């Protein structure tokens, strides 16, 4: 029962924080959106700021961790990894579909990026954790590229770190560009990632 209430609270708080940002959300708003009492809310977080932190950890830090977003099981080639990466992004976006109505007046990708930018402002330690996660992601891309070279799938004259960062930059760059318009376009992202892969393929 408690687990169910916690999920209800986090989902409600996420909807509010992503649509109005931290300062624009009151405890009364959270009570109304979640249907929980103030006492129930304080059972899971001692303050609005702590609840905001918990929501960021769950919906941003954890969900954007590549090991949670991408299934590496059964990945036999670098092409499989790129496929799984794209599918993971699509699944992550789908998992946020419950906020669609709340964000009907704005761009969901822009709102999500805005929420990420608040991490450094309110929680420097989480910003460091987010950076570590990105570094780990770079390491996974490098490992997958190295494996592809060893399997004679891609050229062996590439710089692993630079190429890994190119793939990551395509995602983060596309997400930023699309945030200026209607939101991340998976088809455009896929096209860009596969084009880079084709340039590397032997």
Protein backbone atom coordinates (compact mmCIF):
# COMPACT_ATOMS: atom_id res chain seq x y z
CA UNK A 1 0.00 0.00 0.00
CA UNK A 2 2.79 2.40 0.94
CA UNK A 3 4.63 1.62 -2.27
CA UNK A 4 1.50 2.46 -4.24
CA UNK A 5 1.11 5.80 -2.48
CA UNK A 6 4.77 6.63 -3.06
CA UNK A 7 4.40 6.01 -6.80
CA UNK A 8 1.25 8.12 -6.89
CA UNK A 9 3.05 10.94 -5.07
CA UNK A 10 6.15 10.83 -7.29
CA UNK A 11 4.11 10.79 -10.50
CA UNK A 12 1.96 13.70 -9.33
CA UNK A 13 4.97 15.71 -8.16
CA UNK A 14 6.85 15.04 -11.39
CA UNK A 15 3.92 16.30 -13.46
CA UNK A 16 3.84 19.51 -11.46
CA UNK A 17 7.59 20.13 -11.23
CA UNK A 18 8.18 19.53 -14.93
CA UNK A 19 5.33 21.79 -15.99
CA UNK A 20 5.79 24.65 -13.50
CA UNK A 21 9.35 24.23 -12.16
CA UNK A 22 10.19 23.98 -8.46
CA UNK A 23 9.28 27.49 -7.31
CA UNK A 24 5.94 27.40 -9.11
CA UNK A 25 4.66 24.36 -7.21
CA UNK A 26 3.12 24.56 -3.74
CA UNK A 27 2.48 21.79 -1.24
CA UNK A 28 -1.25 22.40 -1.77
CA UNK A 29 -0.75 21.76 -5.49
CA UNK A 30 0.93 18.44 -4.68
CA UNK A 31 -1.89 17.50 -2.31
CA UNK A 32 -4.50 18.25 -4.98
CA UNK A 33 -2.66 16.47 -7.78
CA UNK A 34 -1.79 13.35 -5.77
CA UNK A 35 -4.94 13.12 -3.68
CA UNK A 36 -2.73 12.54 -0.65
CA UNK A 37 -2.84 14.41 2.64
CA UNK A 38 -0.01 16.65 3.84
CA UNK A 39 0.83 14.02 6.45
CA UNK A 40 1.10 11.29 3.81
CA UNK A 41 3.34 13.49 1.67
CA UNK A 42 5.63 14.21 4.62
CA UNK A 43 5.89 10.48 5.26
CA UNK A 44 7.89 10.17 2.02
CA UNK A 45 9.66 13.54 2.07
CA UNK A 46 10.36 15.98 4.88
CA UNK A 47 9.93 19.01 2.60
CA UNK A 48 8.98 20.08 -0.90
CA UNK A 49 12.68 20.34 -1.75
CA UNK A 50 13.37 16.79 -0.60
CA UNK A 51 10.43 15.56 -2.68
CA UNK A 52 11.82 17.47 -5.67
CA UNK A 53 15.18 15.76 -5.13
CA UNK A 54 13.56 12.32 -4.91
CA UNK A 55 11.62 12.93 -8.11
CA UNK A 56 14.75 14.10 -9.95
CA UNK A 57 16.69 11.05 -8.79
CA UNK A 58 13.95 8.69 -9.97
CA UNK A 59 12.79 10.33 -13.20
CA UNK A 60 16.06 11.85 -14.41
CA UNK A 61 19.16 10.38 -12.78
CA UNK A 62 17.97 6.76 -12.81
CA UNK A 63 16.02 6.79 -16.06
CA UNK A 64 18.81 8.53 -17.98
CA UNK A 65 21.39 6.03 -16.72
CA UNK A 66 22.34 4.05 -19.83
CA UNK A 67 22.38 0.76 -17.93
CA UNK A 68 18.72 1.33 -17.05
CA UNK A 69 17.71 2.77 -20.42
CA UNK A 70 19.38 0.27 -22.75
CA UNK A 71 19.16 -3.52 -22.60
CA UNK A 72 22.62 -4.92 -23.39
CA UNK A 73 21.51 -8.54 -23.14
CA UNK A 74 21.57 -10.19 -26.54
CA UNK A 75 23.46 -7.31 -28.17
CA UNK A 76 25.76 -9.10 -30.62
CA UNK A 77 26.89 -6.20 -32.81
CA UNK A 78 27.38 -2.46 -32.64
CA UNK A 79 24.35 -2.10 -34.92
CA UNK A 80 22.34 -4.04 -32.31
CA UNK A 81 23.61 -1.64 -29.64
CA UNK A 82 22.51 1.41 -31.66
CA UNK A 83 19.12 -0.25 -32.20
CA UNK A 84 18.79 -0.93 -28.47
CA UNK A 85 19.89 2.64 -27.65
CA UNK A 86 17.16 4.11 -29.85
CA UNK A 87 14.55 1.71 -28.46
CA UNK A 88 15.61 2.66 -24.92
CA UNK A 89 15.13 6.34 -25.65
CA UNK A 90 11.70 5.63 -27.14
CA UNK A 91 10.73 3.58 -24.07
CA UNK A 92 11.91 6.32 -21.74
CA UNK A 93 9.84 8.88 -23.62
CA UNK A 94 6.83 6.55 -23.51
CA UNK A 95 7.24 6.17 -19.74
CA UNK A 96 6.63 9.91 -19.45
CA UNK A 97 3.38 9.77 -21.41
CA UNK A 98 1.40 10.32 -18.20
CA UNK A 99 2.53 13.97 -18.21
CA UNK A 100 1.38 14.62 -21.80
CA UNK A 101 -1.89 16.31 -20.81
CA UNK A 102 -0.14 18.46 -18.22
CA UNK A 103 2.34 19.64 -20.87
CA UNK A 104 -0.17 20.14 -23.68
CA UNK A 105 0.59 23.86 -23.57
CA UNK A 106 4.33 23.46 -23.99
CA UNK A 107 7.11 21.32 -25.50
CA UNK A 108 7.72 18.21 -23.33
CA UNK A 109 11.39 17.91 -24.36
CA UNK A 110 11.98 21.57 -23.51
CA UNK A 111 10.28 21.12 -20.13
CA UNK A 112 12.39 18.02 -19.41
CA UNK A 113 15.64 19.80 -20.30
CA UNK A 114 14.59 22.75 -18.14
CA UNK A 115 14.11 20.35 -15.25
CA UNK A 116 17.59 18.88 -15.82
CA UNK A 117 19.06 22.39 -15.67
CA UNK A 118 17.53 22.86 -12.22
CA UNK A 119 19.67 20.03 -10.84
CA UNK A 120 22.80 22.18 -10.66
CA UNK A 121 20.85 25.03 -9.08
CA UNK A 122 19.29 23.05 -6.25
CA UNK A 123 21.40 19.90 -5.86
CA UNK A 124 25.10 20.23 -6.79
CA UNK A 125 25.78 16.70 -5.52
CA UNK A 126 23.15 15.29 -7.87
CA UNK A 127 24.69 17.29 -10.68
CA UNK A 128 27.95 15.45 -9.96
CA UNK A 129 26.06 12.15 -9.94
CA UNK A 130 24.53 13.05 -13.30
CA UNK A 131 28.03 13.80 -14.64
CA UNK A 132 29.32 10.43 -13.40
CA UNK A 133 26.43 8.76 -15.20
CA UNK A 134 27.38 10.53 -18.44
CA UNK A 135 31.02 9.44 -18.00
CA UNK A 136 29.86 5.85 -17.50
CA UNK A 137 27.79 6.15 -20.66
CA UNK A 138 30.89 7.30 -22.56
CA UNK A 139 32.71 4.23 -21.26
CA UNK A 140 29.97 1.91 -22.51
CA UNK A 141 30.02 3.50 -25.98
CA UNK A 142 33.83 3.11 -26.07
CA UNK A 143 33.58 -0.55 -25.05
CA UNK A 144 30.95 -1.28 -27.69
CA UNK A 145 33.03 0.47 -30.36
CA UNK A 146 36.12 -1.51 -29.33
CA UNK A 147 34.16 -4.74 -29.55
CA UNK A 148 32.91 -3.76 -33.01
CA UNK A 149 36.48 -3.15 -34.15
CA UNK A 150 37.57 -6.54 -32.82
CA UNK A 151 34.64 -8.19 -34.62
CA UNK A 152 35.66 -6.45 -37.84
CA UNK A 153 32.29 -4.64 -37.97
CA UNK A 154 33.67 -1.11 -38.14
CA UNK A 155 36.95 0.54 -39.15
CA UNK A 156 39.92 0.24 -36.81
CA UNK A 157 41.36 3.70 -37.49
CA UNK A 158 38.91 5.62 -35.33
CA UNK A 159 39.51 7.41 -32.04
CA UNK A 160 37.29 5.55 -29.56
CA UNK A 161 36.65 8.42 -27.15
CA UNK A 162 35.93 11.02 -29.84
CA UNK A 163 33.63 8.65 -31.72
CA UNK A 164 31.77 7.70 -28.53
CA UNK A 165 31.22 11.37 -27.80
CA UNK A 166 29.98 11.91 -31.36
CA UNK A 167 27.22 9.34 -30.86
CA UNK A 168 26.26 10.85 -27.51
CA UNK A 169 26.32 14.37 -28.91
CA UNK A 170 23.91 13.35 -31.65
CA UNK A 171 21.35 12.40 -29.00
CA UNK A 172 21.89 15.34 -26.66
CA UNK A 173 22.24 17.79 -29.55
CA UNK A 174 19.12 16.51 -31.32
CA UNK A 175 17.18 16.63 -28.07
CA UNK A 176 18.21 20.26 -27.56
CA UNK A 177 17.44 21.30 -31.15
CA UNK A 178 14.07 19.57 -31.12
CA UNK A 179 13.27 21.17 -27.76
CA UNK A 180 13.16 24.48 -29.62
CA UNK A 181 10.29 23.19 -31.75
CA UNK A 182 7.92 20.28 -31.03
CA UNK A 183 10.05 17.84 -29.01
CA UNK A 184 12.52 15.03 -29.67
CA UNK A 185 11.88 13.34 -33.01
CA UNK A 186 12.94 9.69 -32.75
CA UNK A 187 12.97 9.24 -36.53
CA UNK A 188 15.39 12.13 -37.03
CA UNK A 189 17.55 10.90 -34.16
CA UNK A 190 17.65 7.39 -35.64
CA UNK A 191 18.63 8.75 -39.04
CA UNK A 192 21.53 10.71 -37.57
CA UNK A 193 22.83 7.79 -35.49
CA UNK A 194 22.61 5.32 -38.38
CA UNK A 195 24.35 7.76 -40.74
CA UNK A 196 27.32 7.93 -38.38
CA UNK A 197 27.30 4.14 -38.06
CA UNK A 198 27.39 3.80 -41.86
CA UNK A 199 30.46 6.02 -42.01
CA UNK A 200 32.23 3.70 -39.58
CA UNK A 201 31.08 0.42 -41.08
CA UNK A 202 33.62 -1.63 -43.01
